C-alpha cells in the first residue's frame, strides 16, 4: 500500500512539472496567557525591526515552551523585566515592562499592535480574540485574550497599552 506522504510528494512533482502552483499556507501563530510565569506575545521576526512594520508577519515568543503555543520561540534572556497577571471571567491578561535592548528594539519605536487580524493566522489558544501591544519607547507591553470582543478593543491601537489594557505596568524600565 502506498503511503500518503509518497502520494503527496508525487503530486507536488507532477504539479511543479506542469506549472501548477502549489500553495503553501502560513502556519498558525498561536500564543497563550496562562499565568504570570507562562505567557506569550508577538515580536518582529528579526531583532531590531520596527514593531509597526512587523504586524503582518510577527512570530510568537513565550516565557517557556507551552503545548498551547507550539513552535514559539523563547524570549531573549532579560527581555521581560516585570509581569503582572490578571484573570477575570471574560479575559486573561499580562501587563508589564521589558528591556527593549535585549531584542534590539529602538527607543524611537512608538510600538504597535498585534491581534487576530495581524499577524496572519494569529490566535490566543482557548480564546476568540486578543490584543497585544508592544511599546519599546516606553519599555512596556500588554497582552489580553478574551472571548467577548468588547473586552479586547482592537480599534484603539495608537492609544497604547495603558489606555487599551488597564493593568499594572510597574516603573518604566
Protein backbone atom coordinates (compact mmCIF):
# COMPACT_ATOMS: atom_id res chain seq x y z
CA UNK A 1 0.00 0.00 0.00
CA UNK A 2 1.34 3.43 -0.94
CA UNK A 3 1.95 5.87 1.88
CA UNK A 4 0.13 9.20 1.88
CA UNK A 5 3.42 11.11 2.07
CA UNK A 6 4.58 9.39 -1.13
CA UNK A 7 1.37 10.35 -2.93
CA UNK A 8 1.73 13.98 -1.80
CA UNK A 9 5.34 14.05 -2.98
CA UNK A 10 4.40 12.63 -6.39
CA UNK A 11 1.57 15.15 -6.72
CA UNK A 12 3.96 18.01 -5.89
CA UNK A 13 6.48 16.83 -8.50
CA UNK A 14 3.79 16.49 -11.18
CA UNK A 15 2.25 19.85 -10.30
CA UNK A 16 5.63 21.58 -10.45
CA UNK A 17 6.48 19.94 -13.78
CA UNK A 18 3.20 21.17 -15.28
CA UNK A 19 3.48 24.71 -13.91
CA UNK A 20 0.71 24.29 -11.35
CA UNK A 21 1.36 26.43 -8.31
CA UNK A 22 1.37 24.58 -5.03
CA UNK A 23 0.06 26.97 -2.38
CA UNK A 24 1.92 26.86 0.91
CA UNK A 25 -0.21 28.06 3.82
CA UNK A 26 1.25 30.09 6.62
CA UNK A 27 1.41 28.13 9.86
CA UNK A 28 -0.94 29.09 12.67
CA UNK A 29 0.63 31.60 15.03
CA UNK A 30 -0.60 30.67 18.48
CA UNK A 31 0.11 32.41 21.74
CA UNK A 32 -1.11 31.67 25.25
CA UNK A 33 -1.65 33.51 28.53
CA UNK A 34 -1.68 31.04 31.40
CA UNK A 35 -0.03 32.82 34.33
CA UNK A 36 2.50 35.48 35.31
CA UNK A 37 5.19 32.95 34.50
CA UNK A 38 3.75 31.27 31.37
CA UNK A 39 2.66 33.64 28.63
CA UNK A 40 3.47 34.58 25.07
CA UNK A 41 3.20 37.55 22.78
CA UNK A 42 4.30 38.57 19.32
CA UNK A 43 7.57 40.18 18.32
CA UNK A 44 9.10 41.01 14.94
CA UNK A 45 10.78 38.16 13.08
CA UNK A 46 14.10 39.99 13.22
CA UNK A 47 15.65 41.72 16.24
CA UNK A 48 15.57 45.50 15.83
CA UNK A 49 12.68 45.56 13.34
CA UNK A 50 10.12 48.32 13.97
CA UNK A 51 7.01 46.89 15.69
CA UNK A 52 4.55 48.56 13.29
CA UNK A 53 6.46 47.19 10.28
CA UNK A 54 6.20 43.63 11.63
CA UNK A 55 2.47 43.48 12.29
CA UNK A 56 1.73 41.22 9.28
CA UNK A 57 4.49 38.64 9.87
CA UNK A 58 5.43 38.74 13.56
CA UNK A 59 6.19 35.49 15.36
CA UNK A 60 5.25 34.24 18.83
CA UNK A 61 7.68 34.33 21.74
CA UNK A 62 7.00 32.79 25.16
CA UNK A 63 8.47 32.76 28.63
CA UNK A 64 8.79 28.98 28.29
CA UNK A 65 7.67 26.20 25.99
CA UNK A 66 3.95 25.53 26.04
CA UNK A 67 1.79 23.00 24.20
CA UNK A 68 -0.63 25.91 23.68
CA UNK A 69 1.92 27.80 21.57
CA UNK A 70 3.73 25.18 19.54
CA UNK A 71 6.66 26.47 17.55
CA UNK A 72 7.01 29.66 19.59
CA UNK A 73 10.48 30.92 20.42
CA UNK A 74 11.62 31.76 23.94
CA UNK A 75 12.02 35.45 24.85
CA UNK A 76 15.65 36.58 24.97
CA UNK A 77 17.07 36.41 28.47
CA UNK A 78 16.19 39.57 30.40
CA UNK A 79 13.64 40.82 27.82
CA UNK A 80 10.69 40.53 30.25
CA UNK A 81 11.53 42.59 33.33
CA UNK A 82 8.22 42.60 35.22
CA UNK A 83 4.95 40.82 34.54
CA UNK A 84 1.56 41.25 36.19
CA UNK A 85 -1.14 38.63 35.57
CA UNK A 86 -4.86 39.26 35.86
CA UNK A 87 -7.71 36.84 35.27
CA UNK A 88 -11.37 37.83 35.09
CA UNK A 89 -14.46 35.93 33.92
CA UNK A 90 -14.17 37.40 30.40
CA UNK A 91 -10.41 37.65 29.90
CA UNK A 92 -6.85 36.93 30.98
CA UNK A 93 -4.02 39.39 30.61
CA UNK A 94 -0.40 40.12 31.37
CA UNK A 95 0.97 43.65 31.54
CA UNK A 96 4.47 44.72 32.39
CA UNK A 97 7.87 46.05 31.48
CA UNK A 98 10.52 44.95 29.01
CA UNK A 99 14.16 45.71 28.31
CA UNK A 100 13.95 46.66 24.63
CA UNK A 101 17.73 46.31 24.22
CA UNK A 102 17.52 42.52 24.68
CA UNK A 103 15.80 42.28 21.27
CA UNK A 104 17.49 45.36 19.78
CA UNK A 105 14.22 47.32 19.69
CA UNK A 106 14.69 51.05 19.20
CA UNK A 107 13.91 53.72 21.81
CA UNK A 108 12.36 55.76 18.98
CA UNK A 109 9.86 52.96 18.17
CA UNK A 110 6.42 54.04 19.44
CA UNK A 111 5.23 50.45 19.10
CA UNK A 112 2.32 48.70 17.50
CA UNK A 113 -0.48 46.22 17.94
CA UNK A 114 -0.92 42.56 17.10
CA UNK A 115 -4.38 40.96 17.10
CA UNK A 116 -6.46 38.30 15.33
CA UNK A 117 -6.10 40.17 12.02
CA UNK A 118 -2.33 40.62 12.10
CA UNK A 119 -0.13 38.68 12.02
CA UNK A 120 -1.81 36.29 9.63
CA UNK A 121 -3.44 33.26 11.29
CA UNK A 122 -2.79 34.63 14.80
CA UNK A 123 -4.74 33.38 17.79
CA UNK A 124 -4.64 33.11 21.55
CA UNK A 125 -5.27 29.49 22.47
CA UNK A 126 -8.68 28.99 24.06
CA UNK A 127 -9.98 32.45 23.21
CA UNK A 128 -11.77 34.08 20.26
CA UNK A 129 -9.88 37.37 20.34
CA UNK A 130 -6.77 39.06 21.68
CA UNK A 131 -4.93 42.36 21.67
CA UNK A 132 -1.14 42.57 22.15
CA UNK A 133 0.70 45.89 22.19
CA UNK A 134 4.45 46.42 22.50
CA UNK A 135 5.80 49.92 23.18
CA UNK A 136 9.62 49.91 23.00
CA UNK A 137 9.82 53.68 23.61
CA UNK A 138 8.10 53.17 26.98
CA UNK A 139 9.58 49.70 27.68
CA UNK A 140 6.09 48.30 28.31
CA UNK A 141 3.90 45.54 26.89
CA UNK A 142 0.39 44.19 27.28
CA UNK A 143 -1.45 41.10 26.11
CA UNK A 144 -5.13 40.38 26.74
CA UNK A 145 -7.04 37.33 25.48
CA UNK A 146 -10.83 37.23 25.64
CA UNK A 147 -13.99 35.65 24.26
CA UNK A 148 -16.08 38.82 24.47
CA UNK A 149 -14.70 41.11 21.76
CA UNK A 150 -15.69 44.20 23.75
CA UNK A 151 -13.06 43.16 26.32
CA UNK A 152 -10.31 43.14 23.67
CA UNK A 153 -10.60 46.52 21.98
CA UNK A 154 -8.50 46.36 18.82
CA UNK A 155 -9.75 49.69 17.46
CA UNK A 156 -7.53 51.95 19.60
CA UNK A 157 -4.04 50.69 18.78
CA UNK A 158 -2.50 54.15 18.68
CA UNK A 159 -3.61 54.86 22.25
CA UNK A 160 -1.17 52.35 23.74
CA UNK A 161 -1.21 49.74 26.45
CA UNK A 162 -2.22 51.90 29.39
CA UNK A 163 -5.38 53.01 27.58
CA UNK A 164 -6.35 49.74 25.88
CA UNK A 165 -5.40 47.17 28.57
CA UNK A 166 -5.80 48.61 32.04
CA UNK A 167 -3.40 46.98 34.43
CA UNK A 168 -0.19 47.36 36.37
CA UNK A 169 2.92 48.32 34.45
CA UNK A 170 5.41 48.88 37.24
CA UNK A 171 8.07 51.51 36.84
CA UNK A 172 9.41 52.43 33.43
CA UNK A 173 12.48 50.35 32.67
